[in-house]
């Protein structure tokens, strides 16, 4: 499913125009990105949480050469689904 599919589905369900729905969806994604960039925790009850976690430095191997390389410490965004989402997916 793409963002355009989401916009179309919401527009059909709500009766709003695709342009209005696209504006809301784009703004939602922009707010999530801004909050994660500020290292904020986002909780959407009944859906899940978005947060940023720190991955420690580690050693890895280049699969082509077999050479050992160091992967630096970094921050990565993660999503943890709610119990309701997990149960819906497990059906």
Foldseek 3Di string as FASTA:
>chain_A
DDPLVVLVVVCVVPVNDSVVSSVVVVVVVVVVVVCQVVQHKDADPPFWIKGKDKDQKDWDADVVPRDIDIDHIDIDIDIDTDPNVVVVVVD
